[in-house]
C-alpha atoms as a PDB file:
ATOM      1  CA  MET A   1      55.464   2.181  -3.146  1.00  0.00           C
ATOM      2  CA  THR A   2      56.245   5.576  -4.730  1.00  0.00           C
ATOM      3  CA  ILE A   3      57.189   8.668  -2.737  1.00  0.00           C
ATOM      4  CA  ALA A   4      54.004  10.437  -3.911  1.00  0.00           C
ATOM      5  CA  LEU A   5      51.846   7.558  -2.680  1.00  0.00           C
ATOM      6  CA  VAL A   6      53.657   7.529   0.699  1.00  0.00           C
ATOM      7  CA  ARG A   7      53.010  11.253   1.058  1.00  0.00           C
ATOM      8  CA  ARG A   8      49.343  10.832   0.197  1.00  0.00           C
ATOM      9  CA  LEU A   9      49.000   7.960   2.669  1.00  0.00           C
ATOM     10  CA  GLY A  10      50.668  10.047   5.380  1.00  0.00           C
ATOM     11  CA  LEU A  11      48.241  12.875   4.773  1.00  0.00           C
ATOM     12  CA  VAL A  12      45.283  10.489   4.913  1.00  0.00           C
ATOM     13  CA  LEU A  13      46.487   9.025   8.224  1.00  0.00           C
ATOM     14  CA  LEU A  14      47.125  12.497   9.647  1.00  0.00           C
ATOM     15  CA  PHE A  15      43.690  13.740   8.576  1.00  0.00           C
ATOM     16  CA  GLY A  16      42.081  10.643  10.085  1.00  0.00           C
ATOM     17  CA  ALA A  17      43.835  11.197  13.409  1.00  0.00           C
ATOM     18  CA  LEU A  18      42.755  14.842  13.519  1.00  0.00           C
ATOM     19  CA  ALA A  19      39.195  13.909  12.592  1.00  0.00           C
ATOM     20  CA  GLY A  20      39.147  11.322  15.370  1.00  0.00           C
ATOM     21  CA  GLN A  21      40.237  13.993  17.913  1.00  0.00           C
ATOM     22  CA  SER A  22      37.656  16.505  16.727  1.00  0.00           C
ATOM     23  CA  LEU A  23      34.824  13.938  16.937  1.00  0.00           C
ATOM     24  CA  GLY A  24      36.016  12.500  20.213  1.00  0.00           C
ATOM     25  CA  CYS A  25      36.218   9.109  18.459  1.00  0.00           C
ATOM     26  CA  ALA A  26      32.454   8.742  18.880  1.00  0.00           C
ATOM     27  CA  GLU A  27      30.783   5.806  17.115  1.00  0.00           C
ATOM     28  CA  LEU A  28      29.078   7.056  13.979  1.00  0.00           C
ATOM     29  CA  ASP A  29      25.375   6.409  13.456  1.00  0.00           C
ATOM     30  CA  THR A  30      25.121   3.768  10.729  1.00  0.00           C
ATOM     31  CA  GLN A  31      21.387   4.149  10.081  1.00  0.00           C
ATOM     32  CA  GLU A  32      20.270   5.073   6.592  1.00  0.00           C
ATOM     33  CA  PRO A  33      20.312   8.863   6.091  1.00  0.00           C
ATOM     34  CA  ALA A  34      17.020  10.713   6.118  1.00  0.00           C
ATOM     35  CA  SER A  35      18.151  12.654   3.073  1.00  0.00           C
ATOM     36  CA  GLU A  36      21.061  12.361   0.686  1.00  0.00           C
ATOM     37  CA  GLY A  37      24.273  14.393   0.506  1.00  0.00           C
ATOM     38  CA  SER A  38      24.379  15.941   3.979  1.00  0.00           C
ATOM     39  CA  PHE A  39      26.934  15.000   6.647  1.00  0.00           C
ATOM     40  CA  ALA A  40      24.459  15.982   9.348  1.00  0.00           C
ATOM     41  CA  ALA A  41      21.749  13.824   7.785  1.00  0.00           C
ATOM     42  CA  LYS A  42      24.055  10.805   7.700  1.00  0.00           C
ATOM     43  CA  ASN A  43      24.429  11.042  11.480  1.00  0.00           C
ATOM     44  CA  LYS A  44      20.745  11.629  12.162  1.00  0.00           C
ATOM     45  CA  PRO A  45      18.482   8.625  12.879  1.00  0.00           C
ATOM     46  CA  ALA A  46      15.838   8.059  10.251  1.00  0.00           C
ATOM     47  CA  PRO A  47      12.382   8.981  11.608  1.00  0.00           C
ATOM     48  CA  MET A  48       9.775   6.304  12.161  1.00  0.00           C
ATOM     49  CA  LEU A  49       6.467   7.394  10.674  1.00  0.00           C
ATOM     50  CA  ARG A  50       3.103   5.657  10.539  1.00  0.00           C
ATOM     51  CA  PHE A  51       1.282   5.500   7.213  1.00  0.00           C
ATOM     52  CA  ASN A  52      -2.486   4.984   7.504  1.00  0.00           C
ATOM     53  CA  VAL A  53      -4.863   3.883   4.770  1.00  0.00           C
ATOM     54  CA  VAL A  54      -8.613   3.488   4.611  1.00  0.00           C
ATOM     55  CA  GLN A  55      -9.744   1.032   1.944  1.00  0.00           C
ATOM     56  CA  HIS A  56     -13.392   0.305   1.168  1.00  0.00           C
ATOM     57  CA  ASN A  57     -15.266  -1.278  -1.699  1.00  0.00           C
ATOM     58  CA  VAL A  58     -18.333   0.919  -1.320  1.00  0.00           C
ATOM     59  CA  GLY A  59     -20.511  -1.195  -3.616  1.00  0.00           C
ATOM     60  CA  GLY A  60     -21.663   1.784  -5.637  1.00  0.00           C
ATOM     61  CA  GLY A  61     -24.509   1.092  -8.061  1.00  0.00           C
ATOM     62  CA  ALA A  62     -24.847  -2.643  -7.593  1.00  0.00           C
ATOM     63  CA  GLU A  63     -25.691  -2.429  -3.870  1.00  0.00           C
ATOM     64  CA  ASN A  64     -26.712   1.098  -2.970  1.00  0.00           C
ATOM     65  CA  GLY A  65     -27.969   2.813  -6.098  1.00  0.00           C
ATOM     66  CA  GLY A  66     -24.887   4.964  -6.373  1.00  0.00           C
ATOM     67  CA  GLY A  67     -26.222   7.627  -4.028  1.00  0.00           C
ATOM     68  CA  PRO A  68     -23.871   9.716  -1.885  1.00  0.00           C
ATOM     69  CA  GLU A  69     -25.886   8.931   1.266  1.00  0.00           C
ATOM     70  CA  ALA A  70     -24.534   5.365   1.063  1.00  0.00           C
ATOM     71  CA  LEU A  71     -21.074   6.716   1.877  1.00  0.00           C
ATOM     72  CA  ALA A  72     -22.002   8.349   5.187  1.00  0.00           C
ATOM     73  CA  TYR A  73     -20.235   5.642   7.197  1.00  0.00           C
ATOM     74  CA  THR A  74     -17.207   5.663   4.904  1.00  0.00           C
ATOM     75  CA  PHE A  75     -16.855   9.425   5.187  1.00  0.00           C
ATOM     76  CA  ALA A  76     -17.213   9.322   8.981  1.00  0.00           C
ATOM     77  CA  GLN A  77     -14.450   6.745   9.295  1.00  0.00           C
ATOM     78  CA  ILE A  78     -12.141   8.728   7.025  1.00  0.00           C
ATOM     79  CA  GLU A  79     -12.649  11.773   9.226  1.00  0.00           C
ATOM     80  CA  GLU A  80     -11.991   9.734  12.369  1.00  0.00           C
ATOM     81  CA  LYS A  81      -8.972   7.728  11.171  1.00  0.00           C
ATOM     82  CA  LYS A  82      -7.341  10.675   9.354  1.00  0.00           C
ATOM     83  CA  PRO A  83      -5.582   8.448   6.820  1.00  0.00           C
ATOM     84  CA  ASP A  84      -2.621   9.436   4.677  1.00  0.00           C
ATOM     85  CA  ALA A  85      -4.338   7.808   1.686  1.00  0.00           C
ATOM     86  CA  VAL A  86      -7.823   6.558   0.848  1.00  0.00           C
ATOM     87  CA  MET A  87      -8.558   3.757  -1.614  1.00  0.00           C
ATOM     88  CA  LEU A  88     -12.176   3.210  -2.657  1.00  0.00           C
ATOM     89  CA  GLU A  89     -13.588   0.792  -5.223  1.00  0.00           C
ATOM     90  CA  GLU A  90     -16.925   0.627  -7.113  1.00  0.00           C
ATOM     91  CA  VAL A  91     -17.511   4.348  -6.787  1.00  0.00           C
ATOM     92  CA  CYS A  92     -20.228   5.929  -8.933  1.00  0.00           C
ATOM     93  CA  ALA A  93     -19.684   9.369 -10.455  1.00  0.00           C
ATOM     94  CA  ALA A  94     -22.190  10.980  -8.052  1.00  0.00           C
ATOM     95  CA  GLN A  95     -20.352   9.421  -5.122  1.00  0.00           C
ATOM     96  CA  LEU A  96     -17.076  10.762  -6.463  1.00  0.00           C
ATOM     97  CA  ASP A  97     -18.598  14.236  -6.507  1.00  0.00           C
ATOM     98  CA  ALA A  98     -19.777  13.760  -2.935  1.00  0.00           C
ATOM     99  CA  PHE A  99     -16.280  12.746  -1.863  1.00  0.00           C
ATOM    100  CA  LYS A 100     -14.742  15.850  -3.408  1.00  0.00           C
ATOM    101  CA  ALA A 101     -17.357  18.040  -1.720  1.00  0.00           C
ATOM    102  CA  ARG A 102     -16.789  16.397   1.666  1.00  0.00           C
ATOM    103  CA  PHE A 103     -12.988  16.604   1.465  1.00  0.00           C
ATOM    104  CA  PRO A 104     -12.165  19.829  -0.390  1.00  0.00           C
ATOM    105  CA  GLY A 105      -8.505  20.409  -0.978  1.00  0.00           C
ATOM    106  CA  TRP A 106      -7.681  16.697  -1.155  1.00  0.00           C
ATOM    107  CA  ALA A 107      -5.912  15.338  -4.194  1.00  0.00           C
ATOM    108  CA  VAL A 108      -8.248  12.846  -5.889  1.00  0.00           C
ATOM    109  CA  ARG A 109      -7.577  10.429  -8.737  1.00  0.00           C
ATOM    110  CA  TYR A 110     -10.387   8.482 -10.393  1.00  0.00           C
ATOM    111  CA  ALA A 111      -9.848   5.418 -12.592  1.00  0.00           C
ATOM    112  CA  VAL A 112     -12.954   4.473 -14.579  1.00  0.00           C
ATOM    113  CA  GLN A 113     -13.747   0.775 -14.509  1.00  0.00           C
ATOM    114  CA  ARG A 114     -17.064   0.950 -16.358  1.00  0.00           C
ATOM    115  CA  GLU A 115     -17.976   3.826 -18.658  1.00  0.00           C
ATOM    116  CA  LYS A 116     -21.689   3.337 -18.073  1.00  0.00           C
ATOM    117  CA  HIS A 117     -23.331   1.445 -15.229  1.00  0.00           C
ATOM    118  CA  GLU A 118     -27.097   1.160 -14.866  1.00  0.00           C
ATOM    119  CA  GLY A 119     -26.910   1.284 -11.053  1.00  0.00           C
ATOM    120  CA  CYS A 120     -24.942   4.517 -11.270  1.00  0.00           C
ATOM    121  CA  ALA A 121     -27.758   6.219 -13.229  1.00  0.00           C
ATOM    122  CA  ASN A 122     -25.818   5.196 -16.348  1.00  0.00           C
ATOM    123  CA  GLY A 123     -22.809   7.180 -15.181  1.00  0.00           C
ATOM    124  CA  THR A 124     -19.263   5.957 -14.738  1.00  0.00           C
ATOM    125  CA  LYS A 125     -18.079   3.617 -12.030  1.00  0.00           C
ATOM    126  CA  GLY A 126     -14.482   3.227 -10.867  1.00  0.00           C
ATOM    127  CA  ASN A 127     -11.766   3.415  -8.237  1.00  0.00           C
ATOM    128  CA  VAL A 128     -10.737   6.410  -6.158  1.00  0.00           C
ATOM    129  CA  LEU A 129      -7.289   7.224  -4.781  1.00  0.00           C
ATOM    130  CA  ALA A 130      -7.138  10.275  -2.550  1.00  0.00           C
ATOM    131  CA  SER A 131      -4.796  11.987  -0.105  1.00  0.00           C
ATOM    132  CA  PRO A 132      -5.046  15.117   2.045  1.00  0.00           C
ATOM    133  CA  ARG A 133      -1.415  15.959   1.212  1.00  0.00           C
ATOM    134  CA  GLY A 134      -1.530  15.835  -2.573  1.00  0.00           C
ATOM    135  CA  PHE A 135       0.493  13.726  -4.991  1.00  0.00           C
ATOM    136  CA  VAL A 136       4.032  14.545  -6.064  1.00  0.00           C
ATOM    137  CA  ASP A 137       3.929  12.084  -8.966  1.00  0.00           C
ATOM    138  CA  GLN A 138       1.655   9.498 -10.560  1.00  0.00           C
ATOM    139  CA  LEU A 139       1.962   5.945 -11.832  1.00  0.00           C
ATOM    140  CA  ASP A 140      -0.676   4.005 -13.770  1.00  0.00           C
ATOM    141  CA  ALA A 141      -0.764   0.530 -15.231  1.00  0.00           C
ATOM    142  CA  PRO A 142      -3.468  -1.336 -17.158  1.00  0.00           C
ATOM    143  CA  LEU A 143      -3.989  -4.834 -15.762  1.00  0.00           C
ATOM    144  CA  GLY A 144      -5.625  -6.355 -18.821  1.00  0.00           C
ATOM    145  CA  GLU A 145      -8.078  -9.271 -18.744  1.00  0.00           C
ATOM    146  CA  PRO A 146     -11.282  -7.204 -19.196  1.00  0.00           C
ATOM    147  CA  ASP A 147     -14.592  -8.673 -18.033  1.00  0.00           C
ATOM    148  CA  GLY A 148     -17.222  -7.554 -20.515  1.00  0.00           C
ATOM    149  CA  ASP A 149     -17.247  -3.761 -20.324  1.00  0.00           C
ATOM    150  CA  LYS A 150     -15.212  -3.728 -17.094  1.00  0.00           C
ATOM    151  CA  VAL A 151     -11.544  -2.771 -17.350  1.00  0.00           C
ATOM    152  CA  PHE A 152      -8.948  -3.135 -14.592  1.00  0.00           C
ATOM    153  CA  SER A 153      -6.037  -0.935 -13.603  1.00  0.00           C
ATOM    154  CA  LEU A 154      -3.540   0.094 -10.968  1.00  0.00           C
ATOM    155  CA  THR A 155      -3.718   3.788 -10.034  1.00  0.00           C
ATOM    156  CA  CYS A 156      -0.943   5.305  -7.895  1.00  0.00           C
ATOM    157  CA  GLY A 157       0.193   8.635  -6.498  1.00  0.00           C
ATOM    158  CA  GLY A 158       3.223   9.697  -4.489  1.00  0.00           C
ATOM    159  CA  VAL A 159       2.231  10.964  -1.031  1.00  0.00           C
ATOM    160  CA  PRO A 160       4.767  13.287   0.663  1.00  0.00           C
ATOM    161  CA  MET A 161       5.686  12.342   4.222  1.00  0.00           C
ATOM    162  CA  PRO A 162       6.225  14.869   7.027  1.00  0.00           C
ATOM    163  CA  LYS A 163       9.658  15.259   8.659  1.00  0.00           C
ATOM    164  CA  THR A 164      11.405  13.695   5.666  1.00  0.00           C
ATOM    165  CA  ALA A 165      11.952  14.262   1.979  1.00  0.00           C
ATOM    166  CA  ARG A 166      10.697  10.784   1.172  1.00  0.00           C
ATOM    167  CA  THR A 167       7.330   9.873  -0.309  1.00  0.00           C
ATOM    168  CA  VAL A 168       5.116   6.795  -0.227  1.00  0.00           C
ATOM    169  CA  LEU A 169       3.687   5.506  -3.485  1.00  0.00           C
ATOM    170  CA  ALA A 170       0.034   4.740  -2.673  1.00  0.00           C
ATOM    171  CA  CYS A 171      -1.991   2.619  -5.102  1.00  0.00           C
ATOM    172  CA  VAL A 172      -5.575   1.407  -5.512  1.00  0.00           C
ATOM    173  CA  THR A 173      -6.742  -1.576  -7.541  1.00  0.00           C
ATOM    174  CA  HIS A 174      -9.690  -3.915  -8.060  1.00  0.00           C
ATOM    175  CA  LEU A 175      -9.263  -7.301  -9.729  1.00  0.00           C
ATOM    176  CA  ARG A 176     -11.807  -9.223 -11.765  1.00  0.00           C
ATOM    177  CA  ILE A 177     -14.268 -11.548 -10.039  1.00  0.00           C
ATOM    178  CA  ASN A 178     -14.945 -14.127 -12.773  1.00  0.00           C
ATOM    179  CA  ASP A 179     -11.927 -16.425 -12.955  1.00  0.00           C
ATOM    180  CA  PRO A 180     -12.495 -20.097 -12.010  1.00  0.00           C
ATOM    181  CA  ASP A 181      -8.845 -21.175 -12.062  1.00  0.00           C
ATOM    182  CA  ASP A 182      -7.210 -17.872 -10.987  1.00  0.00           C
ATOM    183  CA  SER A 183      -5.194 -17.703 -14.199  1.00  0.00           C
ATOM    184  CA  LEU A 184      -6.513 -14.278 -15.232  1.00  0.00           C
ATOM    185  CA  ARG A 185      -6.114 -12.749 -11.771  1.00  0.00           C
ATOM    186  CA  ASP A 186      -2.601 -14.199 -11.640  1.00  0.00           C
ATOM    187  CA  LYS A 187      -1.734 -12.181 -14.749  1.00  0.00           C
ATOM    188  CA  GLN A 188      -3.243  -9.088 -13.170  1.00  0.00           C
ATOM    189  CA  VAL A 189      -1.234  -9.508  -9.949  1.00  0.00           C
ATOM    190  CA  TRP A 190       1.929 -10.060 -11.992  1.00  0.00           C
ATOM    191  CA  ARG A 191       1.285  -6.751 -13.791  1.00  0.00           C
ATOM    192  CA  ILE A 192       0.795  -4.993 -10.458  1.00  0.00           C
ATOM    193  CA  VAL A 193       4.112  -6.300  -9.139  1.00  0.00           C
ATOM    194  CA  ASP A 194       5.869  -5.459 -12.401  1.00  0.00           C
ATOM    195  CA  ALA A 195       4.472  -1.912 -12.423  1.00  0.00           C
ATOM    196  CA  VAL A 196       5.957  -1.031  -8.998  1.00  0.00           C
ATOM    197  CA  ARG A 197       9.058  -3.227  -9.139  1.00  0.00           C
ATOM    198  CA  ALA A 198      11.451  -0.386  -9.956  1.00  0.00           C
ATOM    199  CA  GLU A 199      10.048   1.846  -7.173  1.00  0.00           C
ATOM    200  CA  VAL A 200      10.470  -0.885  -4.564  1.00  0.00           C
ATOM    201  CA  ALA A 201      13.982  -1.692  -5.856  1.00  0.00           C
ATOM    202  CA  LYS A 202      15.171   1.883  -5.373  1.00  0.00           C
ATOM    203  CA  GLY A 203      13.992   1.893  -1.757  1.00  0.00           C
ATOM    204  CA  ARG A 204      10.664   3.688  -2.053  1.00  0.00           C
ATOM    205  CA  GLU A 205       7.822   2.527   0.167  1.00  0.00           C
ATOM    206  CA  VAL A 206       4.831   1.273  -1.843  1.00  0.00           C
ATOM    207  CA  VAL A 207       1.351   0.435  -0.522  1.00  0.00           C
ATOM    208  CA  ILE A 208      -1.234  -1.325  -2.692  1.00  0.00           C
ATOM    209  CA  ALA A 209      -4.779  -1.565  -1.366  1.00  0.00           C
ATOM    210  CA  GLY A 210      -8.057  -2.703  -2.836  1.00  0.00           C
ATOM    211  CA  ASP A 211     -10.460  -5.553  -3.529  1.00  0.00           C
ATOM    212  CA  PHE A 212      -8.429  -8.456  -4.959  1.00  0.00           C
ATOM    213  CA  ASN A 213     -11.298 -10.995  -5.104  1.00  0.00           C
ATOM    214  CA  LEU A 214      -8.836 -13.558  -3.720  1.00  0.00           C
ATOM    215  CA  THR A 215      -8.531 -15.144  -0.282  1.00  0.00           C
ATOM    216  CA  PRO A 216      -5.046 -15.252   1.322  1.00  0.00           C
ATOM    217  CA  ASP A 217      -4.456 -18.896   0.388  1.00  0.00           C
ATOM    218  CA  ARG A 218      -4.820 -18.337  -3.351  1.00  0.00           C
ATOM    219  CA  GLY A 219      -1.821 -18.715  -5.627  1.00  0.00           C
ATOM    220  CA  PRO A 220      -1.777 -15.309  -7.356  1.00  0.00           C
ATOM    221  CA  LEU A 221      -1.098 -13.612  -4.014  1.00  0.00           C
ATOM    222  CA  ASP A 222       2.199 -15.543  -3.787  1.00  0.00           C
ATOM    223  CA  ARG A 223       3.552 -12.774  -6.017  1.00  0.00           C
ATOM    224  CA  LEU A 224       2.837 -10.165  -3.302  1.00  0.00           C
ATOM    225  CA  TYR A 225       3.006 -11.880   0.094  1.00  0.00           C
ATOM    226  CA  ARG A 226       6.509 -12.011   1.558  1.00  0.00           C
ATOM    227  CA  MET A 227       5.184 -14.757   3.822  1.00  0.00           C
ATOM    228  CA  LYS A 228       4.898 -18.029   1.944  1.00  0.00           C
ATOM    229  CA  LYS A 229       2.153 -20.567   2.617  1.00  0.00           C
ATOM    230  CA  ASN A 230       4.536 -22.632   4.741  1.00  0.00           C
ATOM    231  CA  GLY A 231       4.898 -19.780   7.256  1.00  0.00           C
ATOM    232  CA  PHE A 232       8.404 -18.747   6.215  1.00  0.00           C
ATOM    233  CA  ASP A 233       9.564 -15.578   4.493  1.00  0.00           C
ATOM    234  CA  GLY A 234      11.008 -15.599   1.024  1.00  0.00           C
ATOM    235  CA  GLY A 235       8.003 -14.939  -1.194  1.00  0.00           C
ATOM    236  CA  GLY A 236       7.124 -11.541  -2.637  1.00  0.00           C
ATOM    237  CA  ALA A 237       8.220  -8.101  -1.440  1.00  0.00           C
ATOM    238  CA  PHE A 238       5.088  -7.123   0.545  1.00  0.00           C
ATOM    239  CA  ASP A 239       3.653  -7.545   4.036  1.00  0.00           C
ATOM    240  CA  GLU A 240      -0.113  -7.422   4.333  1.00  0.00           C
ATOM    241  CA  ALA A 241      -1.442  -5.209   7.143  1.00  0.00           C
ATOM    242  CA  ASP A 242      -3.661  -7.905   8.707  1.00  0.00           C
ATOM    243  CA  GLN A 243      -1.189 -10.708   9.449  1.00  0.00           C
ATOM    244  CA  SER A 244      -1.847 -11.256  13.154  1.00  0.00           C
ATOM    245  CA  ASP A 245      -5.628 -11.380  13.547  1.00  0.00           C
ATOM    246  CA  SER A 246      -7.561 -13.651  15.898  1.00  0.00           C
ATOM    247  CA  LYS A 247      -8.580 -15.960  13.041  1.00  0.00           C
ATOM    248  CA  ARG A 248      -4.988 -16.742  12.119  1.00  0.00           C
ATOM    249  CA  GLN A 249      -5.690 -20.439  11.486  1.00  0.00           C
ATOM    250  CA  GLN A 250      -8.836 -20.032   9.406  1.00  0.00           C
ATOM    251  CA  TYR A 251      -7.066 -21.001   6.161  1.00  0.00           C
ATOM    252  CA  ALA A 252      -5.195 -24.018   7.578  1.00  0.00           C
ATOM    253  CA  MET A 253      -7.341 -26.422   5.563  1.00  0.00           C
ATOM    254  CA  GLN A 254      -6.092 -24.714   2.390  1.00  0.00           C
ATOM    255  CA  GLY A 255      -2.468 -25.436   3.312  1.00  0.00           C
ATOM    256  CA  ILE A 256      -1.545 -22.216   5.156  1.00  0.00           C
ATOM    257  CA  ARG A 257       0.900 -22.597   8.019  1.00  0.00           C
ATOM    258  CA  CYS A 258       1.436 -19.662  10.380  1.00  0.00           C
ATOM    259  CA  GLY A 259       4.830 -18.265  11.297  1.00  0.00           C
ATOM    260  CA  SER A 260       5.878 -17.536  14.874  1.00  0.00           C
ATOM    261  CA  ASP A 261       4.462 -14.013  14.948  1.00  0.00           C
ATOM    262  CA  ALA A 262       2.479 -13.645  11.725  1.00  0.00           C
ATOM    263  CA  CYS A 263       0.106 -15.563   9.529  1.00  0.00           C
ATOM    264  CA  ARG A 264      -1.005 -15.344   5.928  1.00  0.00           C
ATOM    265  CA  SER A 265      -4.586 -15.017   7.103  1.00  0.00           C
ATOM    266  CA  GLY A 266      -6.824 -12.121   8.062  1.00  0.00           C
ATOM    267  CA  ALA A 267     -10.245 -11.130   9.345  1.00  0.00           C
ATOM    268  CA  ASP A 268     -13.114 -11.491   6.899  1.00  0.00           C
ATOM    269  CA  THR A 269     -13.909  -8.417   4.801  1.00  0.00           C
ATOM    270  CA  ALA A 270     -16.760  -9.617   2.573  1.00  0.00           C
ATOM    271  CA  GLY A 271     -19.157 -12.088   4.133  1.00  0.00           C
ATOM    272  CA  ALA A 272     -17.130 -15.084   5.296  1.00  0.00           C
ATOM    273  CA  ARG A 273     -14.083 -14.219   3.181  1.00  0.00           C
ATOM    274  CA  LYS A 274     -11.081 -11.938   3.326  1.00  0.00           C
ATOM    275  CA  ILE A 275     -10.662 -10.416  -0.123  1.00  0.00           C
ATOM    276  CA  ASP A 276      -9.692  -6.800   0.730  1.00  0.00           C
ATOM    277  CA  TYR A 277      -6.057  -5.956   1.427  1.00  0.00           C
ATOM    278  CA  ALA A 278      -3.430  -3.340   2.151  1.00  0.00           C
ATOM    279  CA  PHE A 279       0.014  -4.569   1.060  1.00  0.00           C
ATOM    280  CA  PHE A 280       3.095  -2.588   2.223  1.00  0.00           C
ATOM    281  CA  SER A 281       6.472  -3.172   0.576  1.00  0.00           C
ATOM    282  CA  ASN A 282       8.733  -4.604   3.266  1.00  0.00           C
ATOM    283  CA  ASN A 283      11.786  -2.478   2.461  1.00  0.00           C
ATOM    284  CA  ARG A 284      10.843   0.138   5.104  1.00  0.00           C
ATOM    285  CA  VAL A 285       8.325  -1.718   7.275  1.00  0.00           C
ATOM    286  CA  ILE A 286       8.941  -1.946  11.032  1.00  0.00           C
ATOM    287  CA  SER A 287       5.455  -3.241  11.907  1.00  0.00           C
ATOM    288  CA  VAL A 288       1.988  -3.498  10.387  1.00  0.00           C
ATOM    289  CA  GLY A 289      -1.561  -3.612  11.729  1.00  0.00           C
ATOM    290  CA  ALA A 290      -5.190  -3.459  10.661  1.00  0.00           C
ATOM    291  CA  GLN A 291      -8.807  -3.121  11.785  1.00  0.00           C
ATOM    292  CA  VAL A 292     -11.816  -4.454   9.905  1.00  0.00           C
ATOM    293  CA  MET A 293     -14.655  -2.030  10.555  1.00  0.00           C
ATOM    294  CA  GLY A 294     -18.352  -1.837   9.648  1.00  0.00           C
ATOM    295  CA  ARG A 295     -19.925  -1.988   6.195  1.00  0.00           C
ATOM    296  CA  GLY A 296     -21.944   1.171   5.771  1.00  0.00           C
ATOM    297  CA  GLY A 297     -23.905   0.910   2.524  1.00  0.00           C
ATOM    298  CA  SER A 298     -21.798  -1.925   1.130  1.00  0.00           C
ATOM    299  CA  SER A 299     -21.457  -5.701   1.428  1.00  0.00           C
ATOM    300  CA  HIS A 300     -17.731  -5.131   2.078  1.00  0.00           C
ATOM    301  CA  ASN A 301     -16.263  -4.091   5.393  1.00  0.00           C
ATOM    302  CA  LEU A 302     -14.234  -0.933   5.585  1.00  0.00           C
ATOM    303  CA  TYR A 303     -10.572  -1.819   6.099  1.00  0.00           C
ATOM    304  CA  HIS A 304      -8.218   0.385   8.104  1.00  0.00           C
ATOM    305  CA  GLY A 305      -4.576  -0.624   7.686  1.00  0.00           C
ATOM    306  CA  TRP A 306      -1.296   0.917   8.735  1.00  0.00           C
ATOM    307  CA  ALA A 307       2.442   0.404   8.773  1.00  0.00           C
ATOM    308  CA  ASP A 308       5.166   1.937  10.909  1.00  0.00           C
ATOM    309  CA  LEU A 309       7.937   2.825   8.472  1.00  0.00           C
ATOM    310  CA  LYS A 310      11.580   3.743   8.770  1.00  0.00           C
ATOM    311  CA  MET A 311      11.646   6.802   6.554  1.00  0.00           C
END
């Protein structure tokens, strides 16, 4: 060992001893810092914050003529639940205008699914992503596999979270309905996962909500669900908000086995099927929960999901 190295080592040991005296040798907080680059932040527990979403396929055009009055129930629930993000599907242009009028100041993104729909007075029909806190960034991905004049997409926006510099990437989607062997929807789900893969990998919380036209036992959802069909973890990177409902065994005949405290199941959201979801990336999830509410002017139930997150 050289003299210079010995001197450096002695200084390091001396500095460490002095630092130990000044801190009283207290055990340092090892939780992930709330923000980067600050000594104080590295010793401050990360806040736990709840992220709420309201998701609803409002059935615009096909079921309610596309009129804004059909969204009275949806609007009332949004005002009551005070979500951080809202994801709506099958929204006619007139209903979009009604949403903007009811919630002025909200950031609203609209992804057209059909350029002209007879039930929407030949106006557009699509998906809405909205937040009362605005979007700090945007992410969009085409999902391919068009169905006639219907196109499919993933539409996302970064929602800033209070008490932290972090954001949640909130996304809305709606998958195709006509697909006898699930092969086309499987490609669409793969594109969803691929689109957000980098965001999840760098530690950002991602929530994807919408009408997937798939029940929890179906193969394409293996790409999202962290819980595999055998009841064990090890699948995708996402927890679905409704994993502990009272009907936890309803898909047992399709080969679903429940875990000790969760089940790849869920309350019905469209008739006798669960096809509406809110998937939260597990990297920051502490717990999840959901309520399936009424229908309003739609054949789908409104879905209120949430996750408690370590931010």
